[in-house]
Amino acid sequence: MPTDTQFANDWLEERNRFDEAARNPTVEAAFLRFAQEHAPFNIIDIGAGNGGVFTYLSPKLPTEQNWTLVELNPTLLKRARQRLLLWANGNGYTVEKDEQDYLLFTRQARRLSIQLRQGSFLKLNQILPLEAYHAVTASAVADLLSRDMLEDLLQQLHRQQLAFYPTLNYQSMRYLPAKPQDEAMIEAYERHMQRQQNFGRALGPSCTTVLRELGTEIYGTSPVEGSSPWVLRPTDIAMHRHMLAFMEKSIPEIAPKLDVTGWADHKRQLLQSQQLHLNVEHTDFFIASSHA
C-alpha cells in the first residue's frame, strides 16, 4: 500500500471496481448466509481505506446493520466518510445523522449505522467491544501482516466467536504477453512484499497458505475459499500504470541490478498499443465458529 495519502486515495478509488469484480461468489454467498442469521447485523471492517467494502456489501446485507470502519490513516477515514455520504445520497437514503465519527442512513425499513474509528486494527480488542459484533471483514490486508500479527488477530476474533471474511488475499501475478524478464521482476516484487520491517516480515504471497492453515487451526474448521482474480485488460490504463509504478518503486530496493525501468517502459509500450494484460491472483476466505 502506498504511504502518500493522495496517491493512496487515488489507488483505492481506481481499484474499487476491480475488487468488486474479483469477489468470489461462493465465498460471498457463505458470508451472506451467515449475515442473514443475525438481525441487526453488527460488523467491523478493518483497514477500511475509503469505505469500499461498506458500499459493496451493505446493499446485500440485512435491513438493519451496525458498521464500524477502522482505519489507521485519518485522511483516508475522512475520505471514506465523504464517499459514504455521496453513496447514501445517490442511493436514496436519508442522512439522519452526520457527525464526524458517526453516520446514520435510513431508507424505508433499512437502517445503516456507521461508526468511523481511527486506529490500528492490530489492537482491535482495545478499541472496540468485540463481544458486541458478529463478523469482521478485511480487503487486501493479510499480505501486509506478519504471521504472528495474523495469528494474534485470528485469536482475538475467535475468542469472541466473530466470523472473519478476508478478501483479495494476494497470491501471484502474470503478465501477458509473457516476456523473459517478467519472472525475475515479479519474484523481486514479491520479495519486497516480504522484506524485513520493524514488525518482522510481511506474509506477501504466502498469506493465502497461512490464512488457510491458521484459520483451520484456530477455528477448528476449514475456511470456505475461492479464487478472486483481478483481470486487467489493455483498456485498464490507469490500473496498469499504478501496478507498474509500485513495481518500479519497490524492485530496486531488493534487486538493484535488474533493469526495472527498461522492463516497465516496454510494458508501457505494450499498453500504448493496447496489448498489455495482467492477471493478479487472490483468494477470498470466510470462516466462522461453529457456535457463532
Protein backbone atom coordinates (compact mmCIF):
# COMPACT_ATOMS: atom_id res chain seq x y z
CA MET A 1 0.00 0.00 0.00
CA PRO A 2 1.43 3.43 -0.89
CA THR A 3 2.13 5.72 2.04
CA ASP A 4 1.45 9.04 0.28
CA THR A 5 -2.15 9.81 1.23
CA GLN A 6 -3.30 11.38 -2.04
CA PHE A 7 -1.67 8.60 -4.04
CA ALA A 8 -3.21 6.02 -1.72
CA ASN A 9 -6.66 7.53 -2.20
CA ASP A 10 -6.26 7.64 -5.99
CA TRP A 11 -5.16 4.00 -5.92
CA LEU A 12 -8.11 2.91 -3.76
CA GLU A 13 -10.57 4.76 -5.98
CA GLU A 14 -9.17 3.06 -9.07
CA ARG A 15 -9.05 -0.43 -7.64
CA ASN A 16 -12.59 -0.48 -6.19
CA ARG A 17 -14.19 -1.79 -9.38
CA PHE A 18 -11.52 -4.48 -9.74
CA ASP A 19 -12.07 -5.57 -6.15
CA GLU A 20 -15.81 -5.81 -6.70
CA ALA A 21 -15.47 -7.75 -9.95
CA ALA A 22 -12.97 -10.15 -8.36
CA ARG A 23 -15.04 -11.22 -5.33
CA ASN A 24 -15.61 -14.93 -5.28
CA PRO A 25 -19.38 -15.65 -5.41
CA THR A 26 -19.19 -18.91 -3.44
CA VAL A 27 -17.32 -17.31 -0.54
CA GLU A 28 -19.55 -14.25 -0.65
CA ALA A 29 -22.65 -16.47 -0.51
CA ALA A 30 -21.33 -18.22 2.61
CA PHE A 31 -20.79 -14.85 4.28
CA LEU A 32 -24.25 -13.60 3.28
CA ARG A 33 -25.94 -16.75 4.63
CA PHE A 34 -24.19 -16.14 7.94
CA ALA A 35 -25.26 -12.49 7.97
CA GLN A 36 -28.92 -13.38 7.43
CA GLU A 37 -28.88 -15.26 10.72
CA HIS A 38 -28.27 -12.03 12.65
CA ALA A 39 -30.58 -9.05 12.95
CA PRO A 40 -29.36 -6.45 13.42
CA PHE A 41 -26.03 -7.43 11.86
CA ASN A 42 -23.02 -5.90 13.63
CA ILE A 43 -19.85 -5.79 11.55
CA ILE A 44 -16.32 -4.37 11.71
CA ASP A 45 -14.34 -3.53 8.57
CA ILE A 46 -10.61 -3.39 9.34
CA GLY A 47 -8.20 -1.42 7.19
CA ALA A 48 -11.31 0.26 5.82
CA GLY A 49 -9.49 2.64 3.45
CA ASN A 50 -12.04 4.73 1.59
CA GLY A 51 -15.06 2.62 2.54
CA GLY A 52 -15.25 0.37 -0.50
CA VAL A 53 -16.19 -2.74 1.49
CA PHE A 54 -19.16 -0.97 3.05
CA THR A 55 -20.53 0.38 -0.23
CA TYR A 56 -20.22 -3.05 -1.85
CA LEU A 57 -21.61 -5.24 0.94
CA SER A 58 -24.23 -3.14 2.67
CA PRO A 59 -26.87 -3.47 -0.12
CA LYS A 60 -26.57 -7.27 0.18
CA LEU A 61 -26.93 -7.47 3.98
CA PRO A 62 -29.94 -7.47 6.35
CA THR A 63 -32.08 -4.37 6.61
CA GLU A 64 -30.58 -3.26 9.93
CA GLN A 65 -26.78 -3.01 10.04
CA ASN A 66 -24.32 -1.54 12.52
CA TRP A 67 -20.91 -0.97 10.95
CA THR A 68 -17.62 0.14 12.47
CA LEU A 69 -14.95 1.18 9.98
CA VAL A 70 -11.43 1.01 11.45
CA GLU A 71 -8.67 2.81 9.55
CA LEU A 72 -5.23 3.95 10.74
CA ASN A 73 -4.87 6.81 8.23
CA PRO A 74 -7.08 9.72 9.38
CA THR A 75 -7.13 11.32 5.93
CA LEU A 76 -8.39 8.13 4.31
CA LEU A 77 -11.01 7.83 7.05
CA LYS A 78 -12.17 11.36 6.28
CA ARG A 79 -12.36 10.43 2.60
CA ALA A 80 -14.37 7.32 3.50
CA ARG A 81 -16.87 9.50 5.35
CA GLN A 82 -17.25 11.74 2.28
CA ARG A 83 -17.71 8.75 -0.04
CA LEU A 84 -20.32 7.18 2.23
CA LEU A 85 -22.35 10.39 2.27
CA LEU A 86 -22.22 10.59 -1.52
CA TRP A 87 -23.18 6.92 -1.76
CA ALA A 88 -26.13 7.41 0.61
CA ASN A 89 -27.43 10.41 -1.32
CA GLY A 90 -27.02 8.56 -4.62
CA ASN A 91 -28.91 5.50 -3.37
CA GLY A 92 -31.98 7.17 -1.94
CA TYR A 93 -31.06 7.16 1.75
CA THR A 94 -31.95 9.88 4.22
CA VAL A 95 -28.95 11.01 6.25
CA GLU A 96 -30.44 11.04 9.74
CA LYS A 97 -27.16 11.81 11.49
CA ASP A 98 -24.00 13.34 10.06
CA GLU A 99 -21.35 13.61 12.75
CA GLN A 100 -17.57 13.48 12.46
CA ASP A 101 -17.30 9.89 13.63
CA TYR A 102 -20.87 8.65 13.19
CA LEU A 103 -23.33 8.40 10.31
CA LEU A 104 -26.90 7.09 10.20
CA PHE A 105 -28.66 6.36 6.91
CA THR A 106 -32.27 5.25 6.56
CA ARG A 107 -34.43 4.22 3.62
CA GLN A 108 -37.87 2.78 4.37
CA ALA A 109 -37.14 -0.26 6.63
CA ARG A 110 -33.38 -0.14 6.05
CA ARG A 111 -31.20 1.36 8.78
CA LEU A 112 -27.43 1.65 8.34
CA SER A 113 -25.41 2.87 11.30
CA ILE A 114 -21.69 3.60 10.73
CA GLN A 115 -19.03 4.41 13.32
CA LEU A 116 -15.71 5.73 11.99
CA ARG A 117 -12.76 4.79 14.21
CA GLN A 118 -9.22 5.95 13.62
CA GLY A 119 -6.72 3.41 14.95
CA SER A 120 -4.83 0.20 14.40
CA PHE A 121 -6.88 -2.95 13.91
CA LEU A 122 -3.97 -4.86 15.45
CA LYS A 123 -5.29 -3.51 18.76
CA LEU A 124 -8.89 -4.22 17.89
CA ASN A 125 -9.81 -5.67 21.28
CA GLN A 126 -8.52 -2.48 22.93
CA ILE A 127 -10.53 -0.03 20.85
CA LEU A 128 -13.84 -1.89 20.39
CA PRO A 129 -16.10 -4.15 22.49
CA LEU A 130 -15.70 -7.20 20.23
CA GLU A 131 -18.41 -9.13 22.04
CA ALA A 132 -20.96 -6.73 20.50
CA TYR A 133 -20.18 -7.79 16.92
CA HIS A 134 -20.88 -10.76 14.68
CA ALA A 135 -18.22 -10.51 11.94
CA VAL A 136 -15.09 -8.78 10.72
CA THR A 137 -14.28 -8.02 7.09
CA ALA A 138 -10.96 -7.11 5.51
CA SER A 139 -9.84 -6.45 1.95
CA ALA A 140 -6.21 -6.85 0.82
CA VAL A 141 -4.91 -6.83 4.38
CA ALA A 142 -3.38 -10.25 5.16
CA ASP A 143 -0.37 -9.90 2.84
CA LEU A 144 0.74 -6.81 4.81
CA LEU A 145 0.90 -8.67 8.13
CA SER A 146 3.49 -10.96 9.66
CA ARG A 147 2.47 -14.48 10.61
CA ASP A 148 2.43 -13.53 14.30
CA MET A 149 0.25 -10.49 13.64
CA LEU A 150 -2.25 -12.53 11.63
CA GLU A 151 -2.31 -15.29 14.24
CA ASP A 152 -2.95 -12.76 17.03
CA LEU A 153 -5.78 -11.17 15.04
CA LEU A 154 -7.43 -14.53 14.39
CA GLN A 155 -7.11 -15.48 18.05
CA GLN A 156 -8.80 -12.21 19.07
CA LEU A 157 -11.67 -12.82 16.68
CA HIS A 158 -12.13 -16.48 17.59
CA ARG A 159 -12.20 -15.74 21.33
CA GLN A 160 -15.26 -13.57 20.71
CA GLN A 161 -16.73 -16.06 18.18
CA LEU A 162 -16.51 -13.49 15.38
CA ALA A 163 -16.74 -14.69 11.80
CA PHE A 164 -13.93 -13.48 9.51
CA TYR A 165 -14.31 -12.57 5.84
CA PRO A 166 -10.93 -11.53 4.39
CA THR A 167 -10.97 -10.94 0.63
CA LEU A 168 -8.36 -10.13 -2.01
CA ASN A 169 -5.52 -12.03 -0.36
CA TYR A 170 -2.59 -11.81 -2.76
CA GLN A 171 -1.25 -14.99 -4.32
CA SER A 172 0.58 -14.33 -7.62
CA MET A 173 0.61 -12.27 -10.81
CA ARG A 174 1.20 -12.86 -14.51
CA TYR A 175 1.64 -10.51 -17.46
CA LEU A 176 0.50 -11.32 -20.97
CA PRO A 177 2.13 -11.38 -23.42
CA ALA A 178 4.76 -13.04 -21.24
CA LYS A 179 8.32 -11.70 -21.59
CA PRO A 180 11.62 -13.25 -20.43
CA GLN A 181 12.19 -10.67 -17.66
CA ASP A 182 8.72 -11.00 -16.12
CA GLU A 183 9.57 -13.85 -13.78
CA ALA A 184 12.58 -12.06 -12.25
CA MET A 185 10.65 -8.79 -11.84
CA ILE A 186 7.64 -10.42 -10.21
CA GLU A 187 9.86 -12.53 -7.95
CA ALA A 188 11.71 -9.38 -6.80
CA TYR A 189 8.42 -7.54 -6.28
CA GLU A 190 7.12 -10.35 -4.09
CA ARG A 191 10.37 -10.45 -2.12
CA HIS A 192 9.88 -6.75 -1.48
CA MET A 193 6.42 -7.53 -0.09
CA GLN A 194 8.13 -9.95 2.34
CA ARG A 195 11.10 -7.72 3.22
CA GLN A 196 12.19 -7.31 6.82
CA GLN A 197 10.32 -4.46 8.52
CA ASN A 198 10.14 -3.17 12.08
CA PHE A 199 7.37 -5.68 12.89
CA GLY A 200 9.05 -8.61 11.13
CA ARG A 201 8.43 -9.99 7.65
CA ALA A 202 5.09 -9.47 5.96
CA LEU A 203 3.44 -12.56 4.53
CA GLY A 204 3.13 -11.29 0.96
CA PRO A 205 2.21 -14.12 -1.43
CA SER A 206 2.29 -16.71 1.37
CA CYS A 207 -0.71 -15.07 3.06
CA THR A 208 -3.23 -17.40 1.41
CA THR A 209 -1.47 -20.54 2.67
CA VAL A 210 -1.01 -19.09 6.14
CA LEU A 211 -4.61 -17.85 6.34
CA ARG A 212 -5.85 -21.32 5.45
CA GLU A 213 -3.56 -23.03 7.97
CA LEU A 214 -4.17 -20.64 10.87
CA GLY A 215 -7.88 -20.33 10.18
CA THR A 216 -8.30 -24.10 10.27
CA GLU A 217 -6.13 -24.47 13.37
CA ILE A 218 -7.72 -21.66 15.39
CA TYR A 219 -11.36 -22.04 14.35
CA GLY A 220 -11.22 -25.83 14.16
CA THR A 221 -12.84 -25.92 10.72
CA SER A 222 -11.67 -25.34 7.16
CA PRO A 223 -12.49 -21.92 5.68
CA VAL A 224 -14.72 -21.56 2.67
CA GLU A 225 -12.36 -20.28 -0.01
CA GLY A 226 -12.25 -19.37 -3.68
CA SER A 227 -10.24 -17.55 -6.33
CA SER A 228 -10.74 -13.79 -6.73
CA PRO A 229 -8.50 -12.54 -9.56
CA TRP A 230 -8.03 -9.04 -10.82
CA VAL A 231 -8.22 -9.14 -14.61
CA LEU A 232 -6.57 -6.08 -16.16
CA ARG A 233 -7.26 -5.62 -19.86
CA PRO A 234 -5.44 -3.28 -22.25
CA THR A 235 -8.11 -0.61 -21.73
CA ASP A 236 -7.49 -0.52 -17.96
CA ILE A 237 -4.77 2.07 -18.42
CA ALA A 238 -4.82 3.75 -15.00
CA MET A 239 -4.72 0.45 -13.10
CA HIS A 240 -1.84 -0.83 -15.21
CA ARG A 241 0.07 2.38 -14.54
CA HIS A 242 -0.47 2.05 -10.79
CA MET A 243 0.85 -1.52 -10.81
CA LEU A 244 3.92 -0.61 -12.86
CA ALA A 245 4.61 2.36 -10.56
CA PHE A 246 4.54 0.09 -7.50
CA MET A 247 6.98 -2.29 -9.14
CA GLU A 248 9.34 0.44 -10.34
CA LYS A 249 9.49 1.86 -6.82
CA SER A 250 9.91 -1.40 -4.90
CA ILE A 251 12.06 -3.67 -7.08
CA PRO A 252 15.27 -1.54 -6.95
CA GLU A 253 15.22 -1.81 -3.15
CA ILE A 254 15.51 -5.59 -3.44
CA ALA A 255 17.27 -6.18 -6.78
CA PRO A 256 19.12 -3.01 -7.82
CA LYS A 257 20.84 -4.75 -10.74
CA LEU A 258 17.58 -5.52 -12.52
CA ASP A 259 16.67 -3.08 -15.30
CA VAL A 260 13.21 -2.40 -13.98
CA THR A 261 12.96 0.93 -15.83
CA GLY A 262 13.60 -0.67 -19.20
CA TRP A 263 11.21 -3.50 -18.39
CA ALA A 264 8.45 -1.12 -17.27
CA ASP A 265 8.97 1.11 -20.30
CA HIS A 266 8.42 -1.91 -22.55
CA LYS A 267 5.21 -2.72 -20.65
CA ARG A 268 4.03 0.85 -21.21
CA GLN A 269 4.72 0.48 -24.92
CA LEU A 270 2.56 -2.65 -24.95
CA LEU A 271 -0.10 -0.72 -23.04
CA GLN A 272 0.00 2.12 -25.55
CA SER A 273 -0.53 -0.35 -28.39
CA GLN A 274 -3.38 -1.99 -26.42
CA GLN A 275 -1.63 -5.33 -26.00
CA LEU A 276 -0.95 -5.49 -22.24
CA HIS A 277 -2.87 -7.86 -19.97
CA LEU A 278 -2.29 -8.61 -16.28
CA ASN A 279 -3.86 -11.24 -14.03
CA VAL A 280 -3.37 -10.81 -10.29
CA GLU A 281 -4.46 -13.92 -8.43
CA HIS A 282 -6.08 -13.60 -5.00
CA THR A 283 -8.04 -15.89 -2.70
CA ASP A 284 -11.14 -14.96 -0.67
CA PHE A 285 -11.89 -16.73 2.62
CA PHE A 286 -14.82 -16.96 5.02
CA ILE A 287 -14.59 -18.73 8.35
CA ALA A 288 -16.97 -18.83 11.30
CA SER A 289 -17.01 -20.51 14.66
CA SER A 290 -19.44 -23.40 14.83
CA HIS A 291 -21.01 -21.57 17.79
CA ALA A 292 -21.19 -18.17 16.10
